[in-house]
Amino acid sequence: MKKLLTKILVLAGALVLTLALTAPAFAADTPAQGEDTAQSETEGGSTIGLKAIAAGIAVGIAAAGGAVGMGLATAKSTESIARQPEAEGKVRTTLMLGLVFIETAIIYALLVVILIIFVL
C-alpha cells in the first residue's frame, strides 16, 4: 500500500510540475484584430520555447517509459531463464522481439516530437 501511495504522489508531482511549466501557454492572450502586427510577431517567439518544453516532456516520458519496460522485460526474462534453462533460446528470442517493439515506440515518439518542432 505504501508503494502505491508513493507512486501516486510521484505521478501527482509530475503532473503539477507539467502544468506549472505550461501555465504561460494558457495565460497568453491573442492580439485583437486592430492591433499592430509587429507586436504579435515578437510574441511568436514564445511559442518556440513552449514547443521546446513540450518536446522535452514528450521525449522524456517516452524514454522513461521505454527504459522501465525494457528493465522489467530483461528482469523477467532472466528469472525465466534461471527457472528453466532449457527454454533459454525461446525466451531470448521473445525478449529481443519485445525490446525491438519497445524501442520502435520510442522512435515513433521522437518522430512526433520532431514534427511538433518543425511543422506546428
PDB file of N, CA and C in Angstrom:
ATOM      1  N   MET A   1       0.829  -1.190   0.000  1.00  0.00           N
ATOM      2  CA  MET A   1       0.000   0.000   0.000  1.00  0.00           C
ATOM      3  C   MET A   1       0.871   1.251   0.000  1.00  0.00           C
ATOM      4  N   LYS A   2       1.996   1.156   0.720  1.00  0.00           N
ATOM      5  CA  LYS A   2       2.881   2.309   0.817  1.00  0.00           C
ATOM      6  C   LYS A   2       3.533   2.612  -0.529  1.00  0.00           C
ATOM      7  N   LYS A   3       3.875   1.550  -1.303  1.00  0.00           N
ATOM      8  CA  LYS A   3       4.454   1.745  -2.636  1.00  0.00           C
ATOM      9  C   LYS A   3       3.452   2.423  -3.562  1.00  0.00           C
ATOM     10  N   LEU A   4       2.194   1.992  -3.482  1.00  0.00           N
ATOM     11  CA  LEU A   4       1.161   2.580  -4.329  1.00  0.00           C
ATOM     12  C   LEU A   4       0.973   4.056  -4.014  1.00  0.00           C
ATOM     13  N   LEU A   5       0.973   4.392  -2.745  1.00  0.00           N
ATOM     14  CA  LEU A   5       0.831   5.780  -2.335  1.00  0.00           C
ATOM     15  C   LEU A   5       2.016   6.611  -2.832  1.00  0.00           C
ATOM     16  N   THR A   6       3.215   6.041  -2.757  1.00  0.00           N
ATOM     17  CA  THR A   6       4.407   6.743  -3.240  1.00  0.00           C
ATOM     18  C   THR A   6       4.321   6.978  -4.749  1.00  0.00           C
ATOM     19  N   LYS A   7       3.877   5.969  -5.494  1.00  0.00           N
ATOM     20  CA  LYS A   7       3.738   6.118  -6.947  1.00  0.00           C
ATOM     21  C   LYS A   7       2.712   7.189  -7.288  1.00  0.00           C
ATOM     22  N   ILE A   8       1.610   7.207  -6.560  1.00  0.00           N
ATOM     23  CA  ILE A   8       0.570   8.206  -6.813  1.00  0.00           C
ATOM     24  C   ILE A   8       1.096   9.606  -6.524  1.00  0.00           C
ATOM     25  N   LEU A   9       1.837   9.753  -5.455  1.00  0.00           N
ATOM     26  CA  LEU A   9       2.394  11.070  -5.121  1.00  0.00           C
ATOM     27  C   LEU A   9       3.419  11.525  -6.150  1.00  0.00           C
ATOM     28  N   VAL A  10       4.231  10.610  -6.651  1.00  0.00           N
ATOM     29  CA  VAL A  10       5.216  10.968  -7.678  1.00  0.00           C
ATOM     30  C   VAL A  10       4.521  11.387  -8.963  1.00  0.00           C
ATOM     31  N   LEU A  11       3.503  10.632  -9.371  1.00  0.00           N
ATOM     32  CA  LEU A  11       2.762  10.997 -10.575  1.00  0.00           C
ATOM     33  C   LEU A  11       2.030  12.323 -10.412  1.00  0.00           C
ATOM     34  N   ALA A  12       1.469  12.556  -9.242  1.00  0.00           N
ATOM     35  CA  ALA A  12       0.791  13.829  -8.993  1.00  0.00           C
ATOM     36  C   ALA A  12       1.795  14.978  -9.031  1.00  0.00           C
ATOM     37  N   GLY A  13       2.975  14.769  -8.468  1.00  0.00           N
ATOM     38  CA  GLY A  13       4.015  15.801  -8.527  1.00  0.00           C
ATOM     39  C   GLY A  13       4.450  16.090  -9.945  1.00  0.00           C
ATOM     40  N   ALA A  14       4.592  15.046 -10.766  1.00  0.00           N
ATOM     41  CA  ALA A  14       4.964  15.245 -12.170  1.00  0.00           C
ATOM     42  C   ALA A  14       3.872  16.007 -12.907  1.00  0.00           C
ATOM     43  N   LEU A  15       2.613  15.701 -12.610  1.00  0.00           N
ATOM     44  CA  LEU A  15       1.508  16.413 -13.247  1.00  0.00           C
ATOM     45  C   LEU A  15       1.491  17.878 -12.846  1.00  0.00           C
ATOM     46  N   VAL A  16       1.702  18.160 -11.581  1.00  0.00           N
ATOM     47  CA  VAL A  16       1.727  19.550 -11.111  1.00  0.00           C
ATOM     48  C   VAL A  16       2.887  20.309 -11.754  1.00  0.00           C
ATOM     49  N   LEU A  17       4.052  19.666 -11.861  1.00  0.00           N
ATOM     50  CA  LEU A  17       5.205  20.297 -12.496  1.00  0.00           C
ATOM     51  C   LEU A  17       4.930  20.583 -13.968  1.00  0.00           C
ATOM     52  N   THR A  18       4.322  19.644 -14.665  1.00  0.00           N
ATOM     53  CA  THR A  18       3.992  19.844 -16.072  1.00  0.00           C
ATOM     54  C   THR A  18       3.011  20.995 -16.238  1.00  0.00           C
ATOM     55  N   LEU A  19       1.999  21.035 -15.417  1.00  0.00           N
ATOM     56  CA  LEU A  19       1.021  22.120 -15.515  1.00  0.00           C
ATOM     57  C   LEU A  19       1.645  23.465 -15.153  1.00  0.00           C
ATOM     58  N   ALA A  20       2.573  23.473 -14.214  1.00  0.00           N
ATOM     59  CA  ALA A  20       3.237  24.719 -13.855  1.00  0.00           C
ATOM     60  C   ALA A  20       4.103  25.229 -14.992  1.00  0.00           C
ATOM     61  N   LEU A  21       4.739  24.323 -15.713  1.00  0.00           N
ATOM     62  CA  LEU A  21       5.577  24.741 -16.836  1.00  0.00           C
ATOM     63  C   LEU A  21       4.763  25.199 -18.040  1.00  0.00           C
ATOM     64  N   THR A  22       3.561  24.669 -18.195  1.00  0.00           N
ATOM     65  CA  THR A  22       2.733  25.050 -19.330  1.00  0.00           C
ATOM     66  C   THR A  22       1.761  26.175 -19.006  1.00  0.00           C
ATOM     67  N   ALA A  23       1.764  26.672 -17.798  1.00  0.00           N
ATOM     68  CA  ALA A  23       0.841  27.742 -17.410  1.00  0.00           C
ATOM     69  C   ALA A  23       0.985  28.994 -18.279  1.00  0.00           C
ATOM     70  N   PRO A  24       2.187  29.413 -18.672  1.00  0.00           N
ATOM     71  CA  PRO A  24       2.282  30.597 -19.530  1.00  0.00           C
ATOM     72  C   PRO A  24       1.576  30.421 -20.875  1.00  0.00           C
ATOM     73  N   ALA A  25       1.519  29.213 -21.366  1.00  0.00           N
ATOM     74  CA  ALA A  25       0.823  28.981 -22.635  1.00  0.00           C
ATOM     75  C   ALA A  25      -0.678  29.203 -22.476  1.00  0.00           C
ATOM     76  N   PHE A  26      -1.214  28.839 -21.325  1.00  0.00           N
ATOM     77  CA  PHE A  26      -2.636  29.035 -21.088  1.00  0.00           C
ATOM     78  C   PHE A  26      -2.959  30.493 -20.789  1.00  0.00           C
ATOM     79  N   ALA A  27      -2.002  31.228 -20.264  1.00  0.00           N
ATOM     80  CA  ALA A  27      -2.242  32.610 -19.884  1.00  0.00           C
ATOM     81  C   ALA A  27      -2.036  33.590 -21.034  1.00  0.00           C
ATOM     82  N   ALA A  28      -1.401  33.180 -22.125  1.00  0.00           N
ATOM     83  CA  ALA A  28      -1.123  34.084 -23.244  1.00  0.00           C
ATOM     84  C   ALA A  28      -2.428  34.493 -23.908  1.00  0.00           C
ATOM     85  N   ASP A  29      -2.560  35.793 -24.144  1.00  0.00           N
ATOM     86  CA  ASP A  29      -3.748  36.273 -24.822  1.00  0.00           C
ATOM     87  C   ASP A  29      -3.411  36.539 -26.285  1.00  0.00           C
ATOM     88  N   THR A  30      -4.410  36.402 -27.122  1.00  0.00           N
ATOM     89  CA  THR A  30      -4.211  36.631 -28.552  1.00  0.00           C
ATOM     90  C   THR A  30      -4.438  38.107 -28.859  1.00  0.00           C
ATOM     91  N   PRO A  31      -3.690  38.667 -29.811  1.00  0.00           N
ATOM     92  CA  PRO A  31      -3.878  40.079 -30.154  1.00  0.00           C
ATOM     93  C   PRO A  31      -5.215  40.290 -30.863  1.00  0.00           C
ATOM     94  N   ALA A  32      -5.807  41.446 -30.605  1.00  0.00           N
ATOM     95  CA  ALA A  32      -7.071  41.774 -31.250  1.00  0.00           C
ATOM     96  C   ALA A  32      -6.824  42.057 -32.729  1.00  0.00           C
ATOM     97  N   GLN A  33      -7.900  42.157 -33.512  1.00  0.00           N
ATOM     98  CA  GLN A  33      -7.759  42.333 -34.959  1.00  0.00           C
ATOM     99  C   GLN A  33      -7.141  43.672 -35.317  1.00  0.00           C
ATOM    100  N   GLY A  34      -7.380  44.698 -34.551  1.00  0.00           N
ATOM    101  CA  GLY A  34      -6.893  46.023 -34.894  1.00  0.00           C
ATOM    102  C   GLY A  34      -5.498  46.326 -34.382  1.00  0.00           C
ATOM    103  N   GLU A  35      -4.879  45.442 -33.623  1.00  0.00           N
ATOM    104  CA  GLU A  35      -3.579  45.716 -33.037  1.00  0.00           C
ATOM    105  C   GLU A  35      -2.469  45.601 -34.071  1.00  0.00           C
ATOM    106  N   ASP A  36      -1.320  46.159 -33.714  1.00  0.00           N
ATOM    107  CA  ASP A  36      -0.157  46.157 -34.589  1.00  0.00           C
ATOM    108  C   ASP A  36       0.357  44.731 -34.777  1.00  0.00           C
ATOM    109  N   THR A  37       0.695  44.364 -36.013  1.00  0.00           N
ATOM    110  CA  THR A  37       1.181  43.014 -36.278  1.00  0.00           C
ATOM    111  C   THR A  37       2.627  42.839 -35.841  1.00  0.00           C
ATOM    112  N   ALA A  38       3.377  43.907 -35.724  1.00  0.00           N
ATOM    113  CA  ALA A  38       4.768  43.806 -35.285  1.00  0.00           C
ATOM    114  C   ALA A  38       4.835  43.280 -33.858  1.00  0.00           C
ATOM    115  N   GLN A  39       3.881  43.710 -33.040  1.00  0.00           N
ATOM    116  CA  GLN A  39       3.858  43.232 -31.667  1.00  0.00           C
ATOM    117  C   GLN A  39       3.530  41.738 -31.639  1.00  0.00           C
ATOM    118  N   SER A  40       2.612  41.285 -32.477  1.00  0.00           N
ATOM    119  CA  SER A  40       2.258  39.872 -32.478  1.00  0.00           C
ATOM    120  C   SER A  40       3.388  39.015 -33.031  1.00  0.00           C
ATOM    121  N   GLU A  41       4.224  39.562 -33.921  1.00  0.00           N
ATOM    122  CA  GLU A  41       5.364  38.802 -34.434  1.00  0.00           C
ATOM    123  C   GLU A  41       6.410  38.583 -33.347  1.00  0.00           C
ATOM    124  N   THR A  42       6.611  39.588 -32.489  1.00  0.00           N
ATOM    125  CA  THR A  42       7.586  39.417 -31.415  1.00  0.00           C
ATOM    126  C   THR A  42       7.077  38.437 -30.367  1.00  0.00           C
ATOM    127  N   GLU A  43       5.770  38.355 -30.194  1.00  0.00           N
ATOM    128  CA  GLU A  43       5.212  37.401 -29.253  1.00  0.00           C
ATOM    129  C   GLU A  43       5.260  35.983 -29.795  1.00  0.00           C
ATOM    130  N   GLY A  44       5.455  35.815 -31.099  1.00  0.00           N
ATOM    131  CA  GLY A  44       5.531  34.491 -31.692  1.00  0.00           C
ATOM    132  C   GLY A  44       6.740  33.716 -31.230  1.00  0.00           C
ATOM    133  N   GLY A  45       7.762  34.389 -30.728  1.00  0.00           N
ATOM    134  CA  GLY A  45       8.953  33.715 -30.235  1.00  0.00           C
ATOM    135  C   GLY A  45       8.679  32.871 -29.011  1.00  0.00           C
ATOM    136  N   SER A  46       7.654  33.212 -28.244  1.00  0.00           N
ATOM    137  CA  SER A  46       7.352  32.434 -27.049  1.00  0.00           C
ATOM    138  C   SER A  46       6.809  31.058 -27.397  1.00  0.00           C
ATOM    139  N   THR A  47       6.221  30.908 -28.574  1.00  0.00           N
ATOM    140  CA  THR A  47       5.721  29.584 -28.945  1.00  0.00           C
ATOM    141  C   THR A  47       6.865  28.617 -29.221  1.00  0.00           C
ATOM    142  N   ILE A  48       8.006  29.135 -29.635  1.00  0.00           N
ATOM    143  CA  ILE A  48       9.152  28.255 -29.859  1.00  0.00           C
ATOM    144  C   ILE A  48       9.598  27.639 -28.535  1.00  0.00           C
ATOM    145  N   GLY A  49       9.632  28.439 -27.504  1.00  0.00           N
ATOM    146  CA  GLY A  49      10.005  27.927 -26.191  1.00  0.00           C
ATOM    147  C   GLY A  49       9.010  26.903 -25.672  1.00  0.00           C
ATOM    148  N   LEU A  50       7.728  27.156 -25.910  1.00  0.00           N
ATOM    149  CA  LEU A  50       6.708  26.208 -25.459  1.00  0.00           C
ATOM    150  C   LEU A  50       6.798  24.899 -26.230  1.00  0.00           C
ATOM    151  N   LYS A  51       7.123  24.994 -27.519  1.00  0.00           N
ATOM    152  CA  LYS A  51       7.314  23.772 -28.301  1.00  0.00           C
ATOM    153  C   LYS A  51       8.499  22.979 -27.759  1.00  0.00           C
ATOM    154  N   ALA A  52       9.548  23.680 -27.382  1.00  0.00           N
ATOM    155  CA  ALA A  52      10.732  23.005 -26.836  1.00  0.00           C
ATOM    156  C   ALA A  52      10.405  22.309 -25.519  1.00  0.00           C
ATOM    157  N   ILE A  53       9.634  22.968 -24.676  1.00  0.00           N
ATOM    158  CA  ILE A  53       9.240  22.358 -23.395  1.00  0.00           C
ATOM    159  C   ILE A  53       8.371  21.137 -23.646  1.00  0.00           C
ATOM    160  N   ALA A  54       7.399  21.263 -24.558  1.00  0.00           N
ATOM    161  CA  ALA A  54       6.519  20.134 -24.868  1.00  0.00           C
ATOM    162  C   ALA A  54       7.311  18.973 -25.458  1.00  0.00           C
ATOM    163  N   ALA A  55       8.265  19.289 -26.331  1.00  0.00           N
ATOM    164  CA  ALA A  55       9.078  18.238 -26.940  1.00  0.00           C
ATOM    165  C   ALA A  55       9.929  17.544 -25.891  1.00  0.00           C
ATOM    166  N   GLY A  56      10.506  18.302 -24.982  1.00  0.00           N
ATOM    167  CA  GLY A  56      11.313  17.709 -23.925  1.00  0.00           C
ATOM    168  C   GLY A  56      10.504  16.802 -23.013  1.00  0.00           C
ATOM    169  N   ILE A  57       9.319  17.239 -22.659  1.00  0.00           N
ATOM    170  CA  ILE A  57       8.460  16.429 -21.799  1.00  0.00           C
ATOM    171  C   ILE A  57       8.048  15.150 -22.520  1.00  0.00           C
ATOM    172  N   ALA A  58       7.674  15.279 -23.803  1.00  0.00           N
ATOM    173  CA  ALA A  58       7.224  14.107 -24.557  1.00  0.00           C
ATOM    174  C   ALA A  58       8.337  13.079 -24.716  1.00  0.00           C
ATOM    175  N   VAL A  59       9.522  13.527 -25.083  1.00  0.00           N
ATOM    176  CA  VAL A  59      10.636  12.586 -25.248  1.00  0.00           C
ATOM    177  C   VAL A  59      11.043  12.006 -23.900  1.00  0.00           C
ATOM    178  N   GLY A  60      11.002  12.810 -22.860  1.00  0.00           N
ATOM    179  CA  GLY A  60      11.347  12.311 -21.532  1.00  0.00           C
ATOM    180  C   GLY A  60      10.408  11.221 -21.054  1.00  0.00           C
ATOM    181  N   ILE A  61       9.113  11.428 -21.257  1.00  0.00           N
ATOM    182  CA  ILE A  61       8.135  10.423 -20.846  1.00  0.00           C
ATOM    183  C   ILE A  61       8.293   9.155 -21.673  1.00  0.00           C
ATOM    184  N   ALA A  62       8.492   9.315 -22.988  1.00  0.00           N
ATOM    185  CA  ALA A  62       8.659   8.144 -23.846  1.00  0.00           C
ATOM    186  C   ALA A  62       9.917   7.367 -23.476  1.00  0.00           C
ATOM    187  N   ALA A  63      11.011   8.070 -23.249  1.00  0.00           N
ATOM    188  CA  ALA A  63      12.266   7.395 -22.902  1.00  0.00           C
ATOM    189  C   ALA A  63      12.171   6.735 -21.532  1.00  0.00           C
ATOM    190  N   ALA A  64      11.551   7.409 -20.574  1.00  0.00           N
ATOM    191  CA  ALA A  64      11.417   6.827 -19.235  1.00  0.00           C
ATOM    192  C   ALA A  64      10.523   5.587 -19.271  1.00  0.00           C
ATOM    193  N   GLY A  65       9.415   5.681 -19.992  1.00  0.00           N
ATOM    194  CA  GLY A  65       8.530   4.515 -20.105  1.00  0.00           C
ATOM    195  C   GLY A  65       9.208   3.353 -20.796  1.00  0.00           C
ATOM    196  N   GLY A  66       9.949   3.656 -21.851  1.00  0.00           N
ATOM    197  CA  GLY A  66      10.671   2.601 -22.553  1.00  0.00           C
ATOM    198  C   GLY A  66      11.748   1.969 -21.688  1.00  0.00           C
ATOM    199  N   ALA A  67      12.449   2.791 -20.922  1.00  0.00           N
ATOM    200  CA  ALA A  67      13.502   2.270 -20.050  1.00  0.00           C
ATOM    201  C   ALA A  67      12.926   1.359 -18.964  1.00  0.00           C
ATOM    202  N   VAL A  68      11.802   1.773 -18.395  1.00  0.00           N
ATOM    203  CA  VAL A  68      11.159   0.936 -17.370  1.00  0.00           C
ATOM    204  C   VAL A  68      10.688  -0.377 -17.991  1.00  0.00           C
ATOM    205  N   GLY A  69      10.081  -0.288 -19.171  1.00  0.00           N
ATOM    206  CA  GLY A  69       9.615  -1.500 -19.851  1.00  0.00           C
ATOM    207  C   GLY A  69      10.744  -2.443 -20.197  1.00  0.00           C
ATOM    208  N   MET A  70      11.841  -1.885 -20.698  1.00  0.00           N
ATOM    209  CA  MET A  70      12.991  -2.738 -21.039  1.00  0.00           C
ATOM    210  C   MET A  70      13.604  -3.375 -19.796  1.00  0.00           C
ATOM    211  N   GLY A  71      13.675  -2.622 -18.722  1.00  0.00           N
ATOM    212  CA  GLY A  71      14.222  -3.176 -17.486  1.00  0.00           C
ATOM    213  C   GLY A  71      13.372  -4.305 -16.940  1.00  0.00           C
ATOM    214  N   LEU A  72      12.053  -4.104 -16.947  1.00  0.00           N
ATOM    215  CA  LEU A  72      11.172  -5.164 -16.456  1.00  0.00           C
ATOM    216  C   LEU A  72      11.233  -6.402 -17.342  1.00  0.00           C
ATOM    217  N   ALA A  73      11.268  -6.191 -18.654  1.00  0.00           N
ATOM    218  CA  ALA A  73      11.337  -7.332 -19.576  1.00  0.00           C
ATOM    219  C   ALA A  73      12.631  -8.114 -19.387  1.00  0.00           C
ATOM    220  N   THR A  74      13.727  -7.405 -19.230  1.00  0.00           N
ATOM    221  CA  THR A  74      15.015  -8.074 -19.029  1.00  0.00           C
ATOM    222  C   THR A  74      15.038  -8.839 -17.699  1.00  0.00           C
ATOM    223  N   ALA A  75      14.496  -8.227 -16.664  1.00  0.00           N
ATOM    224  CA  ALA A  75      14.470  -8.892 -15.355  1.00  0.00           C
ATOM    225  C   ALA A  75      13.623 -10.156 -15.404  1.00  0.00           C
ATOM    226  N   LYS A  76      12.457 -10.066 -16.013  1.00  0.00           N
ATOM    227  CA  LYS A  76      11.574 -11.240 -16.066  1.00  0.00           C
ATOM    228  C   LYS A  76      12.154 -12.340 -16.948  1.00  0.00           C
ATOM    229  N   SER A  77      12.823 -11.952 -18.033  1.00  0.00           N
ATOM    230  CA  SER A  77      13.416 -12.990 -18.881  1.00  0.00           C
ATOM    231  C   SER A  77      14.578 -13.678 -18.168  1.00  0.00           C
ATOM    232  N   THR A  78      15.340 -12.929 -17.391  1.00  0.00           N
ATOM    233  CA  THR A  78      16.431 -13.530 -16.623  1.00  0.00           C
ATOM    234  C   THR A  78      15.883 -14.505 -15.582  1.00  0.00           C
ATOM    235  N   GLU A  79      14.783 -14.125 -14.949  1.00  0.00           N
ATOM    236  CA  GLU A  79      14.155 -15.031 -13.983  1.00  0.00           C
ATOM    237  C   GLU A  79      13.667 -16.305 -14.659  1.00  0.00           C
ATOM    238  N   SER A  80      13.058 -16.155 -15.836  1.00  0.00           N
ATOM    239  CA  SER A  80      12.524 -17.344 -16.504  1.00  0.00           C
ATOM    240  C   SER A  80      13.644 -18.255 -17.009  1.00  0.00           C
ATOM    241  N   ILE A  81      14.746 -17.666 -17.448  1.00  0.00           N
ATOM    242  CA  ILE A  81      15.885 -18.491 -17.870  1.00  0.00           C
ATOM    243  C   ILE A  81      16.491 -19.212 -16.668  1.00  0.00           C
ATOM    244  N   ALA A  82      16.516 -18.535 -15.517  1.00  0.00           N
ATOM    245  CA  ALA A  82      17.044 -19.176 -14.312  1.00  0.00           C
ATOM    246  C   ALA A  82      16.161 -20.343 -13.869  1.00  0.00           C
ATOM    247  N   ARG A  83      14.855 -20.223 -14.080  1.00  0.00           N
ATOM    248  CA  ARG A  83      13.940 -21.290 -13.673  1.00  0.00           C
ATOM    249  C   ARG A  83      13.958 -22.454 -14.651  1.00  0.00           C
ATOM    250  N   GLN A  84      14.028 -22.127 -15.962  1.00  0.00           N
ATOM    251  CA  GLN A  84      14.023 -23.170 -16.986  1.00  0.00           C
ATOM    252  C   GLN A  84      15.154 -22.924 -17.980  1.00  0.00           C
ATOM    253  N   PRO A  85      16.341 -23.375 -17.672  1.00  0.00           N
ATOM    254  CA  PRO A  85      17.479 -23.129 -18.563  1.00  0.00           C
ATOM    255  C   PRO A  85      17.316 -23.757 -19.944  1.00  0.00           C
ATOM    256  N   GLU A  86      16.519 -24.811 -20.049  1.00  0.00           N
ATOM    257  CA  GLU A  86      16.339 -25.462 -21.346  1.00  0.00           C
ATOM    258  C   GLU A  86      15.514 -24.620 -22.321  1.00  0.00           C
ATOM    259  N   ALA A  87      14.775 -23.642 -21.822  1.00  0.00           N
ATOM    260  CA  ALA A  87      13.962 -22.775 -22.681  1.00  0.00           C
ATOM    261  C   ALA A  87      14.657 -21.448 -22.977  1.00  0.00           C
ATOM    262  N   GLU A  88      15.966 -21.419 -22.808  1.00  0.00           N
ATOM    263  CA  GLU A  88      16.703 -20.161 -22.969  1.00  0.00           C
ATOM    264  C   GLU A  88      16.562 -19.580 -24.371  1.00  0.00           C
ATOM    265  N   GLY A  89      16.630 -20.377 -25.393  1.00  0.00           N
ATOM    266  CA  GLY A  89      16.543 -19.885 -26.769  1.00  0.00           C
ATOM    267  C   GLY A  89      15.214 -19.205 -27.065  1.00  0.00           C
ATOM    268  N   LYS A  90      14.134 -19.841 -26.645  1.00  0.00           N
ATOM    269  CA  LYS A  90      12.802 -19.260 -26.889  1.00  0.00           C
ATOM    270  C   LYS A  90      12.610 -17.974 -26.090  1.00  0.00           C
ATOM    271  N   VAL A  91      13.062 -17.986 -24.848  1.00  0.00           N
ATOM    272  CA  VAL A  91      12.906 -16.797 -24.001  1.00  0.00           C
ATOM    273  C   VAL A  91      13.716 -15.631 -24.571  1.00  0.00           C
ATOM    274  N   ARG A  92      14.942 -15.915 -24.987  1.00  0.00           N
ATOM    275  CA  ARG A  92      15.793 -14.863 -25.523  1.00  0.00           C
ATOM    276  C   ARG A  92      15.206 -14.287 -26.823  1.00  0.00           C
ATOM    277  N   THR A  93      14.665 -15.145 -27.685  1.00  0.00           N
ATOM    278  CA  THR A  93      14.059 -14.671 -28.927  1.00  0.00           C
ATOM    279  C   THR A  93      12.863 -13.778 -28.637  1.00  0.00           C
ATOM    280  N   THR A  94      12.022 -14.207 -27.715  1.00  0.00           N
ATOM    281  CA  THR A  94      10.847 -13.408 -27.352  1.00  0.00           C
ATOM    282  C   THR A  94      11.269 -12.089 -26.712  1.00  0.00           C
ATOM    283  N   LEU A  95      12.298 -12.116 -25.882  1.00  0.00           N
ATOM    284  CA  LEU A  95      12.803 -10.895 -25.248  1.00  0.00           C
ATOM    285  C   LEU A  95      13.281  -9.906 -26.300  1.00  0.00           C
ATOM    286  N   MET A  96      14.078 -10.372 -27.239  1.00  0.00           N
ATOM    287  CA  MET A  96      14.606  -9.467 -28.269  1.00  0.00           C
ATOM    288  C   MET A  96      13.490  -8.867 -29.107  1.00  0.00           C
ATOM    289  N   LEU A  97      12.487  -9.663 -29.437  1.00  0.00           N
ATOM    290  CA  LEU A  97      11.358  -9.153 -30.204  1.00  0.00           C
ATOM    291  C   LEU A  97      10.609  -8.080 -29.409  1.00  0.00           C
ATOM    292  N   GLY A  98      10.405  -8.323 -28.126  1.00  0.00           N
ATOM    293  CA  GLY A  98       9.740  -7.334 -27.280  1.00  0.00           C
ATOM    294  C   GLY A  98      10.546  -6.054 -27.141  1.00  0.00           C
ATOM    295  N   LEU A  99      11.868  -6.183 -26.989  1.00  0.00           N
ATOM    296  CA  LEU A  99      12.713  -4.993 -26.879  1.00  0.00           C
ATOM    297  C   LEU A  99      12.694  -4.174 -28.168  1.00  0.00           C
ATOM    298  N   VAL A 100      12.640  -4.844 -29.292  1.00  0.00           N
ATOM    299  CA  VAL A 100      12.552  -4.132 -30.572  1.00  0.00           C
ATOM    300  C   VAL A 100      11.255  -3.339 -30.654  1.00  0.00           C
ATOM    301  N   PHE A 101      10.155  -3.933 -30.221  1.00  0.00           N
ATOM    302  CA  PHE A 101       8.876  -3.209 -30.251  1.00  0.00           C
ATOM    303  C   PHE A 101       8.880  -2.013 -29.312  1.00  0.00           C
ATOM    304  N   ILE A 102       9.475  -2.166 -28.140  1.00  0.00           N
ATOM    305  CA  ILE A 102       9.558  -1.044 -27.203  1.00  0.00           C
ATOM    306  C   ILE A 102      10.395   0.081 -27.792  1.00  0.00           C
ATOM    307  N   GLU A 103      11.527  -0.269 -28.385  1.00  0.00           N
ATOM    308  CA  GLU A 103      12.404   0.740 -28.988  1.00  0.00           C
ATOM    309  C   GLU A 103      11.719   1.430 -30.163  1.00  0.00           C
ATOM    310  N   THR A 104      10.918   0.692 -30.914  1.00  0.00           N
ATOM    311  CA  THR A 104      10.178   1.282 -32.030  1.00  0.00           C
ATOM    312  C   THR A 104       9.183   2.324 -31.525  1.00  0.00           C
ATOM    313  N   ALA A 105       8.526   2.042 -30.420  1.00  0.00           N
ATOM    314  CA  ALA A 105       7.595   3.012 -29.853  1.00  0.00           C
ATOM    315  C   ALA A 105       8.309   4.289 -29.429  1.00  0.00           C
ATOM    316  N   ILE A 106       9.509   4.163 -28.893  1.00  0.00           N
ATOM    317  CA  ILE A 106      10.288   5.341 -28.500  1.00  0.00           C
ATOM    318  C   ILE A 106      10.703   6.141 -29.725  1.00  0.00           C
ATOM    319  N   ILE A 107      11.081   5.468 -30.794  1.00  0.00           N
ATOM    320  CA  ILE A 107      11.466   6.164 -32.027  1.00  0.00           C
ATOM    321  C   ILE A 107      10.261   6.885 -32.627  1.00  0.00           C
ATOM    322  N   TYR A 108       9.082   6.273 -32.562  1.00  0.00           N
ATOM    323  CA  TYR A 108       7.874   6.960 -33.042  1.00  0.00           C
ATOM    324  C   TYR A 108       7.609   8.222 -32.229  1.00  0.00           C
ATOM    325  N   ALA A 109       7.822   8.157 -30.927  1.00  0.00           N
ATOM    326  CA  ALA A 109       7.651   9.350 -30.090  1.00  0.00           C
ATOM    327  C   ALA A 109       8.639  10.434 -30.504  1.00  0.00           C
ATOM    328  N   LEU A 110       9.853  10.053 -30.819  1.00  0.00           N
ATOM    329  CA  LEU A 110      10.848  11.020 -31.290  1.00  0.00           C
ATOM    330  C   LEU A 110      10.410  11.654 -32.602  1.00  0.00           C
ATOM    331  N   LEU A 111       9.854  10.865 -33.517  1.00  0.00           N
ATOM    332  CA  LEU A 111       9.374  11.425 -34.785  1.00  0.00           C
ATOM    333  C   LEU A 111       8.221  12.399 -34.564  1.00  0.00           C
ATOM    334  N   VAL A 112       7.327  12.091 -33.643  1.00  0.00           N
ATOM    335  CA  VAL A 112       6.232  13.005 -33.341  1.00  0.00           C
ATOM    336  C   VAL A 112       6.750  14.308 -32.781  1.00  0.00           C
ATOM    337  N   VAL A 113       7.759  14.222 -31.928  1.00  0.00           N
ATOM    338  CA  VAL A 113       8.353  15.433 -31.357  1.00  0.00           C
ATOM    339  C   VAL A 113       9.020  16.277 -32.451  1.00  0.00           C
ATOM    340  N   ILE A 114       9.704  15.623 -33.370  1.00  0.00           N
ATOM    341  CA  ILE A 114      10.326  16.360 -34.480  1.00  0.00           C
ATOM    342  C   ILE A 114       9.248  17.045 -35.322  1.00  0.00           C
ATOM    343  N   LEU A 115       8.139  16.385 -35.540  1.00  0.00           N
ATOM    344  CA  LEU A 115       7.033  17.016 -36.278  1.00  0.00           C
ATOM    345  C   LEU A 115       6.463  18.207 -35.511  1.00  0.00           C
ATOM    346  N   ILE A 116       6.359  18.082 -34.199  1.00  0.00           N
ATOM    347  CA  ILE A 116       5.854  19.192 -33.391  1.00  0.00           C
ATOM    348  C   ILE A 116       6.786  20.401 -33.532  1.00  0.00           C
ATOM    349  N   ILE A 117       8.073  20.162 -33.467  1.00  0.00           N
ATOM    350  CA  ILE A 117       9.027  21.260 -33.512  1.00  0.00           C
ATOM    351  C   ILE A 117       9.036  21.948 -34.869  1.00  0.00           C
ATOM    352  N   PHE A 118       9.080  21.185 -35.952  1.00  0.00           N
ATOM    353  CA  PHE A 118       9.303  21.772 -37.268  1.00  0.00           C
ATOM    354  C   PHE A 118       8.031  22.054 -38.064  1.00  0.00           C
ATOM    355  N   VAL A 119       6.926  21.389 -37.775  1.00  0.00           N
ATOM    356  CA  VAL A 119       5.707  21.575 -38.567  1.00  0.00           C
ATOM    357  C   VAL A 119       4.714  22.507 -37.884  1.00  0.00           C
ATOM    358  N   LEU A 120       4.499  22.325 -36.595  1.00  0.00           N
ATOM    359  CA  LEU A 120       3.492  23.150 -35.903  1.00  0.00           C
ATOM    360  C   LEU A 120       4.006  24.522 -35.567  1.00  0.00           C
TER     361      LEU A 120
END
